[in-house]
Amino acid sequence: MHRMIVLYPFPEDPAAFLAHYQDTHASLVLQLQGLRDFRYGKTPPLGAGERPYDLIAHLDFDDEASMMAAMTSEHGQCVAADVPNSSPGGATILHQHLTVPGR
């Protein structure tokens, strides 16, 4: 399993950001070819420290090649192009191969 992690900074207008993300961006993400799972959530504080991100999304694919195929497809480019519509500050994107201990 391969996971893309998208870290969104705090938006200037939290209500508009969340509305666009839920109503538009999430629908686009769900249409990515090869997507196995998609989850996102707001980040609550943990202890006294400040939260570095407002929302984190996880997109799971079978492998890195599947993720890259999805993201470089025409639809994947539409998904990427929509990010500034909800998050003018952009987003930080990471990806990783997931290892399940004991398997």
PDB file of N, CA and C in Angstrom:
ATOM      1  N   MET A   1       0.862  -1.176   0.000  1.00  0.00           N
ATOM      2  CA  MET A   1       0.000   0.000   0.000  1.00  0.00           C
ATOM      3  C   MET A   1       0.900   1.227   0.000  1.00  0.00           C
ATOM      4  N   HIS A   2       0.464   2.241  -0.735  1.00  0.00           N
ATOM      5  CA  HIS A   2       1.218   3.488  -0.826  1.00  0.00           C
ATOM      6  C   HIS A   2       0.270   4.635  -0.473  1.00  0.00           C
ATOM      7  N   ARG A   3       0.729   5.554   0.357  1.00  0.00           N
ATOM      8  CA  ARG A   3      -0.129   6.628   0.849  1.00  0.00           C
ATOM      9  C   ARG A   3       0.430   7.989   0.468  1.00  0.00           C
ATOM     10  N   MET A   4      -0.455   8.833  -0.035  1.00  0.00           N
ATOM     11  CA  MET A   4      -0.155  10.245  -0.213  1.00  0.00           C
ATOM     12  C   MET A   4      -0.759  10.977   0.974  1.00  0.00           C
ATOM     13  N   ILE A   5       0.018  11.860   1.563  1.00  0.00           N
ATOM     14  CA  ILE A   5      -0.435  12.648   2.704  1.00  0.00           C
ATOM     15  C   ILE A   5      -0.392  14.110   2.283  1.00  0.00           C
ATOM     16  N   VAL A   6      -1.512  14.800   2.430  1.00  0.00           N
ATOM     17  CA  VAL A   6      -1.595  16.203   2.038  1.00  0.00           C
ATOM     18  C   VAL A   6      -1.874  17.020   3.298  1.00  0.00           C
ATOM     19  N   LEU A   7      -0.972  17.961   3.579  1.00  0.00           N
ATOM     20  CA  LEU A   7      -1.040  18.788   4.776  1.00  0.00           C
ATOM     21  C   LEU A   7      -1.443  20.207   4.383  1.00  0.00           C
ATOM     22  N   TYR A   8      -2.597  20.641   4.853  1.00  0.00           N
ATOM     23  CA  TYR A   8      -3.119  21.962   4.497  1.00  0.00           C
ATOM     24  C   TYR A   8      -2.872  22.953   5.631  1.00  0.00           C
ATOM     25  N   PRO A   9      -2.312  24.128   5.307  1.00  0.00           N
ATOM     26  CA  PRO A   9      -2.095  25.160   6.324  1.00  0.00           C
ATOM     27  C   PRO A   9      -3.431  25.782   6.738  1.00  0.00           C
ATOM     28  N   PHE A  10      -3.365  26.618   7.744  1.00  0.00           N
ATOM     29  CA  PHE A  10      -4.567  27.294   8.215  1.00  0.00           C
ATOM     30  C   PHE A  10      -5.029  28.306   7.174  1.00  0.00           C
ATOM     31  N   PRO A  11      -6.297  28.217   6.755  1.00  0.00           N
ATOM     32  CA  PRO A  11      -6.809  29.134   5.736  1.00  0.00           C
ATOM     33  C   PRO A  11      -7.210  30.476   6.341  1.00  0.00           C
ATOM     34  N   GLU A  12      -7.291  31.478   5.474  1.00  0.00           N
ATOM     35  CA  GLU A  12      -7.765  32.786   5.930  1.00  0.00           C
ATOM     36  C   GLU A  12      -9.244  32.729   6.282  1.00  0.00           C
ATOM     37  N   ASP A  13     -10.001  31.939   5.527  1.00  0.00           N
ATOM     38  CA  ASP A  13     -11.438  31.799   5.756  1.00  0.00           C
ATOM     39  C   ASP A  13     -11.745  30.316   5.988  1.00  0.00           C
ATOM     40  N   PRO A  14     -11.698  29.860   7.246  1.00  0.00           N
ATOM     41  CA  PRO A  14     -11.887  28.432   7.538  1.00  0.00           C
ATOM     42  C   PRO A  14     -13.196  27.852   7.017  1.00  0.00           C
ATOM     43  N   ALA A  15     -14.287  28.595   7.116  1.00  0.00           N
ATOM     44  CA  ALA A  15     -15.588  28.076   6.668  1.00  0.00           C
ATOM     45  C   ALA A  15     -15.599  27.886   5.150  1.00  0.00           C
ATOM     46  N   ALA A  16     -15.055  28.838   4.403  1.00  0.00           N
ATOM     47  CA  ALA A  16     -15.011  28.728   2.942  1.00  0.00           C
ATOM     48  C   ALA A  16     -14.083  27.591   2.517  1.00  0.00           C
ATOM     49  N   PHE A  17     -12.960  27.467   3.205  1.00  0.00           N
ATOM     50  CA  PHE A  17     -12.030  26.379   2.890  1.00  0.00           C
ATOM     51  C   PHE A  17     -12.718  25.026   3.058  1.00  0.00           C
ATOM     52  N   LEU A  18     -13.329  24.808   4.215  1.00  0.00           N
ATOM     53  CA  LEU A  18     -13.947  23.519   4.488  1.00  0.00           C
ATOM     54  C   LEU A  18     -15.110  23.245   3.535  1.00  0.00           C
ATOM     55  N   ALA A  19     -15.892  24.265   3.235  1.00  0.00           N
ATOM     56  CA  ALA A  19     -17.016  24.081   2.308  1.00  0.00           C
ATOM     57  C   ALA A  19     -16.517  23.663   0.925  1.00  0.00           C
ATOM     58  N   HIS A  20     -15.490  24.342   0.430  1.00  0.00           N
ATOM     59  CA  HIS A  20     -14.960  23.976  -0.891  1.00  0.00           C
ATOM     60  C   HIS A  20     -14.336  22.589  -0.848  1.00  0.00           C
ATOM     61  N   TYR A  21     -13.609  22.298   0.212  1.00  0.00           N
ATOM     62  CA  TYR A  21     -12.954  20.989   0.310  1.00  0.00           C
ATOM     63  C   TYR A  21     -13.990  19.868   0.304  1.00  0.00           C
ATOM     64  N   GLN A  22     -15.001  20.003   1.138  1.00  0.00           N
ATOM     65  CA  GLN A  22     -16.013  18.952   1.251  1.00  0.00           C
ATOM     66  C   GLN A  22     -16.916  18.868   0.019  1.00  0.00           C
ATOM     67  N   ASP A  23     -17.307  20.010  -0.525  1.00  0.00           N
ATOM     68  CA  ASP A  23     -18.294  20.026  -1.608  1.00  0.00           C
ATOM     69  C   ASP A  23     -17.690  19.831  -2.995  1.00  0.00           C
ATOM     70  N   THR A  24     -16.427  20.211  -3.177  1.00  0.00           N
ATOM     71  CA  THR A  24     -15.824  20.161  -4.509  1.00  0.00           C
ATOM     72  C   THR A  24     -14.574  19.286  -4.550  1.00  0.00           C
ATOM     73  N   HIS A  25     -13.588  19.625  -3.741  1.00  0.00           N
ATOM     74  CA  HIS A  25     -12.295  18.953  -3.847  1.00  0.00           C
ATOM     75  C   HIS A  25     -12.392  17.461  -3.512  1.00  0.00           C
ATOM     76  N   ALA A  26     -13.082  17.117  -2.449  1.00  0.00           N
ATOM     77  CA  ALA A  26     -13.198  15.703  -2.067  1.00  0.00           C
ATOM     78  C   ALA A  26     -13.865  14.887  -3.175  1.00  0.00           C
ATOM     79  N   SER A  27     -14.850  15.465  -3.851  1.00  0.00           N
ATOM     80  CA  SER A  27     -15.510  14.760  -4.959  1.00  0.00           C
ATOM     81  C   SER A  27     -14.536  14.488  -6.098  1.00  0.00           C
ATOM     82  N   LEU A  28     -13.663  15.452  -6.367  1.00  0.00           N
ATOM     83  CA  LEU A  28     -12.646  15.252  -7.411  1.00  0.00           C
ATOM     84  C   LEU A  28     -11.669  14.149  -7.010  1.00  0.00           C
ATOM     85  N   VAL A  29     -11.225  14.179  -5.756  1.00  0.00           N
ATOM     86  CA  VAL A  29     -10.282  13.163  -5.269  1.00  0.00           C
ATOM     87  C   VAL A  29     -10.889  11.768  -5.394  1.00  0.00           C
ATOM     88  N   LEU A  30     -12.141  11.631  -5.028  1.00  0.00           N
ATOM     89  CA  LEU A  30     -12.795  10.313  -5.069  1.00  0.00           C
ATOM     90  C   LEU A  30     -12.854   9.709  -6.465  1.00  0.00           C
ATOM     91  N   GLN A  31     -12.684  10.529  -7.488  1.00  0.00           N
ATOM     92  CA  GLN A  31     -12.727  10.043  -8.872  1.00  0.00           C
ATOM     93  C   GLN A  31     -11.347   9.650  -9.406  1.00  0.00           C
ATOM     94  N   LEU A  32     -10.289   9.753  -8.596  1.00  0.00           N
ATOM     95  CA  LEU A  32      -8.953   9.384  -9.058  1.00  0.00           C
ATOM     96  C   LEU A  32      -8.881   7.893  -9.364  1.00  0.00           C
ATOM     97  N   GLN A  33      -8.300   7.554 -10.501  1.00  0.00           N
ATOM     98  CA  GLN A  33      -8.157   6.141 -10.863  1.00  0.00           C
ATOM     99  C   GLN A  33      -7.215   5.462  -9.881  1.00  0.00           C
ATOM    100  N   GLY A  34      -7.567   4.261  -9.474  1.00  0.00           N
ATOM    101  CA  GLY A  34      -6.709   3.474  -8.596  1.00  0.00           C
ATOM    102  C   GLY A  34      -6.760   3.850  -7.122  1.00  0.00           C
ATOM    103  N   LEU A  35      -7.577   4.827  -6.758  1.00  0.00           N
ATOM    104  CA  LEU A  35      -7.682   5.234  -5.361  1.00  0.00           C
ATOM    105  C   LEU A  35      -8.345   4.115  -4.564  1.00  0.00           C
ATOM    106  N   ARG A  36      -7.709   3.668  -3.494  1.00  0.00           N
ATOM    107  CA  ARG A  36      -8.251   2.585  -2.664  1.00  0.00           C
ATOM    108  C   ARG A  36      -8.972   3.111  -1.432  1.00  0.00           C
ATOM    109  N   ASP A  37      -8.483   4.230  -0.897  1.00  0.00           N
ATOM    110  CA  ASP A  37      -9.105   4.790   0.304  1.00  0.00           C
ATOM    111  C   ASP A  37      -8.772   6.276   0.360  1.00  0.00           C
ATOM    112  N   PHE A  38      -9.694   7.056   0.890  1.00  0.00           N
ATOM    113  CA  PHE A  38      -9.498   8.502   1.020  1.00  0.00           C
ATOM    114  C   PHE A  38     -10.150   8.928   2.321  1.00  0.00           C
ATOM    115  N   ARG A  39      -9.354   9.556   3.159  1.00  0.00           N
ATOM    116  CA  ARG A  39      -9.865  10.074   4.433  1.00  0.00           C
ATOM    117  C   ARG A  39      -9.213  11.418   4.701  1.00  0.00           C
ATOM    118  N   TYR A  40      -9.941  12.265   5.385  1.00  0.00           N
ATOM    119  CA  TYR A  40      -9.358  13.555   5.769  1.00  0.00           C
ATOM    120  C   TYR A  40      -9.959  13.981   7.095  1.00  0.00           C
ATOM    121  N   GLY A  41      -9.267  14.897   7.755  1.00  0.00           N
ATOM    122  CA  GLY A  41      -9.786  15.396   9.010  1.00  0.00           C
ATOM    123  C   GLY A  41      -9.061  16.642   9.471  1.00  0.00           C
ATOM    124  N   LYS A  42      -9.771  17.423  10.254  1.00  0.00           N
ATOM    125  CA  LYS A  42      -9.186  18.602  10.887  1.00  0.00           C
ATOM    126  C   LYS A  42      -8.246  18.110  11.986  1.00  0.00           C
ATOM    127  N   THR A  43      -7.252  18.915  12.309  1.00  0.00           N
ATOM    128  CA  THR A  43      -6.273  18.513  13.316  1.00  0.00           C
ATOM    129  C   THR A  43      -6.539  19.238  14.634  1.00  0.00           C
ATOM    130  N   PRO A  44      -6.977  18.507  15.647  1.00  0.00           N
ATOM    131  CA  PRO A  44      -7.172  19.135  16.953  1.00  0.00           C
ATOM    132  C   PRO A  44      -5.819  19.325  17.646  1.00  0.00           C
ATOM    133  N   PRO A  45      -5.753  20.234  18.599  1.00  0.00           N
ATOM    134  CA  PRO A  45      -4.495  20.423  19.325  1.00  0.00           C
ATOM    135  C   PRO A  45      -4.138  19.174  20.133  1.00  0.00           C
ATOM    136  N   LEU A  46      -2.850  18.957  20.287  1.00  0.00           N
ATOM    137  CA  LEU A  46      -2.351  17.857  21.103  1.00  0.00           C
ATOM    138  C   LEU A  46      -1.440  18.474  22.153  1.00  0.00           C
ATOM    139  N   GLY A  47      -1.949  18.585  23.358  1.00  0.00           N
ATOM    140  CA  GLY A  47      -1.174  19.235  24.399  1.00  0.00           C
ATOM    141  C   GLY A  47      -1.204  20.750  24.231  1.00  0.00           C
ATOM    142  N   ALA A  48      -0.165  21.402  24.748  1.00  0.00           N
ATOM    143  CA  ALA A  48      -0.126  22.860  24.761  1.00  0.00           C
ATOM    144  C   ALA A  48       0.455  23.456  23.482  1.00  0.00           C
ATOM    145  N   GLY A  49       1.039  22.635  22.622  1.00  0.00           N
ATOM    146  CA  GLY A  49       1.676  23.153  21.417  1.00  0.00           C
ATOM    147  C   GLY A  49       0.688  23.638  20.375  1.00  0.00           C
ATOM    148  N   GLU A  50       1.214  24.399  19.423  1.00  0.00           N
ATOM    149  CA  GLU A  50       0.392  24.884  18.328  1.00  0.00           C
ATOM    150  C   GLU A  50       0.282  23.829  17.242  1.00  0.00           C
ATOM    151  N   ARG A  51      -0.832  23.820  16.559  1.00  0.00           N
ATOM    152  CA  ARG A  51      -1.031  22.889  15.449  1.00  0.00           C
ATOM    153  C   ARG A  51      -0.340  23.445  14.205  1.00  0.00           C
ATOM    154  N   PRO A  52       0.491  22.644  13.541  1.00  0.00           N
ATOM    155  CA  PRO A  52       1.154  23.155  12.344  1.00  0.00           C
ATOM    156  C   PRO A  52       0.268  23.124  11.093  1.00  0.00           C
ATOM    157  N   TYR A  53      -0.805  22.314  11.120  1.00  0.00           N
ATOM    158  CA  TYR A  53      -1.684  22.191   9.956  1.00  0.00           C
ATOM    159  C   TYR A  53      -3.136  22.195  10.394  1.00  0.00           C
ATOM    160  N   ASP A  54      -4.001  22.620   9.490  1.00  0.00           N
ATOM    161  CA  ASP A  54      -5.424  22.685   9.766  1.00  0.00           C
ATOM    162  C   ASP A  54      -6.134  21.385   9.411  1.00  0.00           C
ATOM    163  N   LEU A  55      -5.784  20.813   8.252  1.00  0.00           N
ATOM    164  CA  LEU A  55      -6.459  19.614   7.760  1.00  0.00           C
ATOM    165  C   LEU A  55      -5.414  18.705   7.127  1.00  0.00           C
ATOM    166  N   ILE A  56      -5.581  17.410   7.329  1.00  0.00           N
ATOM    167  CA  ILE A  56      -4.679  16.416   6.739  1.00  0.00           C
ATOM    168  C   ILE A  56      -5.528  15.406   5.980  1.00  0.00           C
ATOM    169  N   ALA A  57      -5.095  15.112   4.747  1.00  0.00           N
ATOM    170  CA  ALA A  57      -5.789  14.121   3.914  1.00  0.00           C
ATOM    171  C   ALA A  57      -4.862  12.948   3.633  1.00  0.00           C
ATOM    172  N   HIS A  58      -5.427  11.750   3.616  1.00  0.00           N
ATOM    173  CA  HIS A  58      -4.694  10.521   3.279  1.00  0.00           C
ATOM    174  C   HIS A  58      -5.363   9.895   2.058  1.00  0.00           C
ATOM    175  N   LEU A  59      -4.567   9.636   1.035  1.00  0.00           N
ATOM    176  CA  LEU A  59      -5.048   8.971  -0.180  1.00  0.00           C
ATOM    177  C   LEU A  59      -4.230   7.702  -0.342  1.00  0.00           C
ATOM    178  N   ASP A  60      -4.880   6.555  -0.363  1.00  0.00           N
ATOM    179  CA  ASP A  60      -4.184   5.266  -0.457  1.00  0.00           C
ATOM    180  C   ASP A  60      -4.340   4.650  -1.844  1.00  0.00           C
ATOM    181  N   PHE A  61      -3.223   4.107  -2.326  1.00  0.00           N
ATOM    182  CA  PHE A  61      -3.160   3.433  -3.620  1.00  0.00           C
ATOM    183  C   PHE A  61      -2.463   2.090  -3.417  1.00  0.00           C
ATOM    184  N   ASP A  62      -2.579   1.195  -4.400  1.00  0.00           N
ATOM    185  CA  ASP A  62      -1.929  -0.116  -4.291  1.00  0.00           C
ATOM    186  C   ASP A  62      -0.415   0.016  -4.177  1.00  0.00           C
ATOM    187  N   ASP A  63       0.160   0.927  -4.947  1.00  0.00           N
ATOM    188  CA  ASP A  63       1.616   1.083  -4.960  1.00  0.00           C
ATOM    189  C   ASP A  63       1.959   2.472  -5.492  1.00  0.00           C
ATOM    190  N   GLU A  64       3.248   2.797  -5.474  1.00  0.00           N
ATOM    191  CA  GLU A  64       3.683   4.123  -5.909  1.00  0.00           C
ATOM    192  C   GLU A  64       3.356   4.362  -7.387  1.00  0.00           C
ATOM    193  N   ALA A  65       3.509   3.329  -8.210  1.00  0.00           N
ATOM    194  CA  ALA A  65       3.208   3.480  -9.635  1.00  0.00           C
ATOM    195  C   ALA A  65       1.739   3.846  -9.850  1.00  0.00           C
ATOM    196  N   SER A  66       0.840   3.239  -9.089  1.00  0.00           N
ATOM    197  CA  SER A  66      -0.592   3.557  -9.196  1.00  0.00           C
ATOM    198  C   SER A  66      -0.866   4.993  -8.783  1.00  0.00           C
ATOM    199  N   MET A  67      -0.192   5.430  -7.723  1.00  0.00           N
ATOM    200  CA  MET A  67      -0.356   6.807  -7.255  1.00  0.00           C
ATOM    201  C   MET A  67       0.130   7.788  -8.320  1.00  0.00           C
ATOM    202  N   MET A  68       1.298   7.513  -8.872  1.00  0.00           N
ATOM    203  CA  MET A  68       1.864   8.406  -9.884  1.00  0.00           C
ATOM    204  C   MET A  68       0.997   8.429 -11.142  1.00  0.00           C
ATOM    205  N   ALA A  69       0.465   7.283 -11.539  1.00  0.00           N
ATOM    206  CA  ALA A  69      -0.419   7.237 -12.703  1.00  0.00           C
ATOM    207  C   ALA A  69      -1.668   8.082 -12.466  1.00  0.00           C
ATOM    208  N   ALA A  70      -2.225   7.977 -11.262  1.00  0.00           N
ATOM    209  CA  ALA A  70      -3.424   8.751 -10.936  1.00  0.00           C
ATOM    210  C   ALA A  70      -3.127  10.244 -10.948  1.00  0.00           C
ATOM    211  N   MET A  71      -2.023  10.632 -10.348  1.00  0.00           N
ATOM    212  CA  MET A  71      -1.720  12.052 -10.204  1.00  0.00           C
ATOM    213  C   MET A  71      -1.238  12.702 -11.495  1.00  0.00           C
ATOM    214  N   THR A  72      -0.672  11.923 -12.401  1.00  0.00           N
ATOM    215  CA  THR A  72      -0.221  12.497 -13.668  1.00  0.00           C
ATOM    216  C   THR A  72      -1.273  12.379 -14.766  1.00  0.00           C
ATOM    217  N   SER A  73      -2.384  11.726 -14.462  1.00  0.00           N
ATOM    218  CA  SER A  73      -3.483  11.621 -15.438  1.00  0.00           C
ATOM    219  C   SER A  73      -4.126  12.997 -15.618  1.00  0.00           C
ATOM    220  N   GLU A  74      -4.942  13.111 -16.636  1.00  0.00           N
ATOM    221  CA  GLU A  74      -5.657  14.373 -16.878  1.00  0.00           C
ATOM    222  C   GLU A  74      -6.511  14.743 -15.664  1.00  0.00           C
ATOM    223  N   HIS A  75      -7.201  13.758 -15.096  1.00  0.00           N
ATOM    224  CA  HIS A  75      -8.036  14.050 -13.917  1.00  0.00           C
ATOM    225  C   HIS A  75      -7.171  14.404 -12.707  1.00  0.00           C
ATOM    226  N   GLY A  76      -6.044  13.717 -12.551  1.00  0.00           N
ATOM    227  CA  GLY A  76      -5.135  14.042 -11.455  1.00  0.00           C
ATOM    228  C   GLY A  76      -4.647  15.475 -11.530  1.00  0.00           C
ATOM    229  N   GLN A  77      -4.402  15.951 -12.736  1.00  0.00           N
ATOM    230  CA  GLN A  77      -3.989  17.339 -12.918  1.00  0.00           C
ATOM    231  C   GLN A  77      -5.114  18.301 -12.555  1.00  0.00           C
ATOM    232  N   CYS A  78      -6.369  17.912 -12.798  1.00  0.00           N
ATOM    233  CA  CYS A  78      -7.520  18.721 -12.385  1.00  0.00           C
ATOM    234  C   CYS A  78      -7.613  18.801 -10.863  1.00  0.00           C
ATOM    235  N   VAL A  79      -7.360  17.675 -10.207  1.00  0.00           N
ATOM    236  CA  VAL A  79      -7.366  17.653  -8.741  1.00  0.00           C
ATOM    237  C   VAL A  79      -6.292  18.603  -8.213  1.00  0.00           C
ATOM    238  N   ALA A  80      -5.092  18.494  -8.751  1.00  0.00           N
ATOM    239  CA  ALA A  80      -3.986  19.359  -8.310  1.00  0.00           C
ATOM    240  C   ALA A  80      -4.297  20.826  -8.585  1.00  0.00           C
ATOM    241  N   ALA A  81      -4.895  21.114  -9.723  1.00  0.00           N
ATOM    242  CA  ALA A  81      -5.220  22.499 -10.083  1.00  0.00           C
ATOM    243  C   ALA A  81      -6.288  23.093  -9.179  1.00  0.00           C
ATOM    244  N   ASP A  82      -7.077  22.239  -8.529  1.00  0.00           N
ATOM    245  CA  ASP A  82      -8.139  22.735  -7.645  1.00  0.00           C
ATOM    246  C   ASP A  82      -7.614  23.118  -6.263  1.00  0.00           C
ATOM    247  N   VAL A  83      -6.442  22.646  -5.886  1.00  0.00           N
ATOM    248  CA  VAL A  83      -5.920  22.924  -4.538  1.00  0.00           C
ATOM    249  C   VAL A  83      -5.915  24.420  -4.221  1.00  0.00           C
ATOM    250  N   PRO A  84      -5.400  25.295  -5.098  1.00  0.00           N
ATOM    251  CA  PRO A  84      -5.405  26.725  -4.763  1.00  0.00           C
ATOM    252  C   PRO A  84      -6.801  27.326  -4.617  1.00  0.00           C
ATOM    253  N   ASN A  85      -7.825  26.677  -5.165  1.00  0.00           N
ATOM    254  CA  ASN A  85      -9.191  27.189  -5.010  1.00  0.00           C
ATOM    255  C   ASN A  85      -9.660  27.103  -3.567  1.00  0.00           C
ATOM    256  N   SER A  86      -9.210  26.095  -2.844  1.00  0.00           N
ATOM    257  CA  SER A  86      -9.606  25.970  -1.445  1.00  0.00           C
ATOM    258  C   SER A  86      -8.486  26.405  -0.513  1.00  0.00           C
ATOM    259  N   SER A  87      -7.251  26.288  -0.958  1.00  0.00           N
ATOM    260  CA  SER A  87      -6.104  26.592  -0.102  1.00  0.00           C
ATOM    261  C   SER A  87      -5.111  27.466  -0.866  1.00  0.00           C
ATOM    262  N   PRO A  88      -5.357  28.791  -0.896  1.00  0.00           N
ATOM    263  CA  PRO A  88      -4.465  29.680  -1.641  1.00  0.00           C
ATOM    264  C   PRO A  88      -2.998  29.575  -1.206  1.00  0.00           C
ATOM    265  N   GLY A  89      -2.765  29.129   0.023  1.00  0.00           N
ATOM    266  CA  GLY A  89      -1.400  28.946   0.515  1.00  0.00           C
ATOM    267  C   GLY A  89      -0.787  27.637   0.059  1.00  0.00           C
ATOM    268  N   GLY A  90      -1.532  26.873  -0.760  1.00  0.00           N
ATOM    269  CA  GLY A  90      -1.026  25.599  -1.240  1.00  0.00           C
ATOM    270  C   GLY A  90      -1.141  24.517  -0.180  1.00  0.00           C
ATOM    271  N   ALA A  91      -0.360  23.481  -0.346  1.00  0.00           N
ATOM    272  CA  ALA A  91      -0.374  22.346   0.582  1.00  0.00           C
ATOM    273  C   ALA A  91       0.981  21.668   0.508  1.00  0.00           C
ATOM    274  N   THR A  92       1.329  20.973   1.565  1.00  0.00           N
ATOM    275  CA  THR A  92       2.544  20.162   1.588  1.00  0.00           C
ATOM    276  C   THR A  92       2.123  18.730   1.284  1.00  0.00           C
ATOM    277  N   ILE A  93       2.808  18.099   0.327  1.00  0.00           N
ATOM    278  CA  ILE A  93       2.450  16.744  -0.073  1.00  0.00           C
ATOM    279  C   ILE A  93       3.618  15.800   0.185  1.00  0.00           C
ATOM    280  N   LEU A  94       3.319  14.720   0.870  1.00  0.00           N
ATOM    281  CA  LEU A  94       4.284  13.666   1.160  1.00  0.00           C
ATOM    282  C   LEU A  94       3.716  12.359   0.639  1.00  0.00           C
ATOM    283  N   HIS A  95       4.561  11.368   0.475  1.00  0.00           N
ATOM    284  CA  HIS A  95       4.035  10.032   0.186  1.00  0.00           C
ATOM    285  C   HIS A  95       4.962   9.004   0.800  1.00  0.00           C
ATOM    286  N   GLN A  96       4.391   7.828   1.062  1.00  0.00           N
ATOM    287  CA  GLN A  96       5.161   6.790   1.745  1.00  0.00           C
ATOM    288  C   GLN A  96       4.611   5.408   1.405  1.00  0.00           C
ATOM    289  N   HIS A  97       5.512   4.438   1.448  1.00  0.00           N
ATOM    290  CA  HIS A  97       5.109   3.037   1.361  1.00  0.00           C
ATOM    291  C   HIS A  97       4.708   2.630   2.775  1.00  0.00           C
ATOM    292  N   LEU A  98       3.560   1.991   2.919  1.00  0.00           N
ATOM    293  CA  LEU A  98       3.092   1.582   4.242  1.00  0.00           C
ATOM    294  C   LEU A  98       3.521   0.149   4.533  1.00  0.00           C
ATOM    295  N   THR A  99       4.048  -0.048   5.712  1.00  0.00           N
ATOM    296  CA  THR A  99       4.442  -1.369   6.185  1.00  0.00           C
ATOM    297  C   THR A  99       3.540  -1.737   7.346  1.00  0.00           C
ATOM    298  N   VAL A 100       2.988  -2.932   7.298  1.00  0.00           N
ATOM    299  CA  VAL A 100       2.151  -3.422   8.387  1.00  0.00           C
ATOM    300  C   VAL A 100       2.992  -4.427   9.173  1.00  0.00           C
ATOM    301  N   PRO A 101       3.338  -4.116  10.421  1.00  0.00           N
ATOM    302  CA  PRO A 101       4.158  -5.035  11.212  1.00  0.00           C
ATOM    303  C   PRO A 101       3.490  -6.407  11.337  1.00  0.00           C
ATOM    304  N   GLY A 102       4.278  -7.445  11.222  1.00  0.00           N
ATOM    305  CA  GLY A 102       3.773  -8.801  11.374  1.00  0.00           C
ATOM    306  C   GLY A 102       3.184  -9.393  10.117  1.00  0.00           C
ATOM    307  N   ARG A 103       3.184  -8.648   9.025  1.00  0.00           N
ATOM    308  CA  ARG A 103       2.627  -9.183   7.769  1.00  0.00           C
ATOM    309  C   ARG A 103       3.721  -9.344   6.754  1.00  0.00           C
TER     310      ARG A 103
END
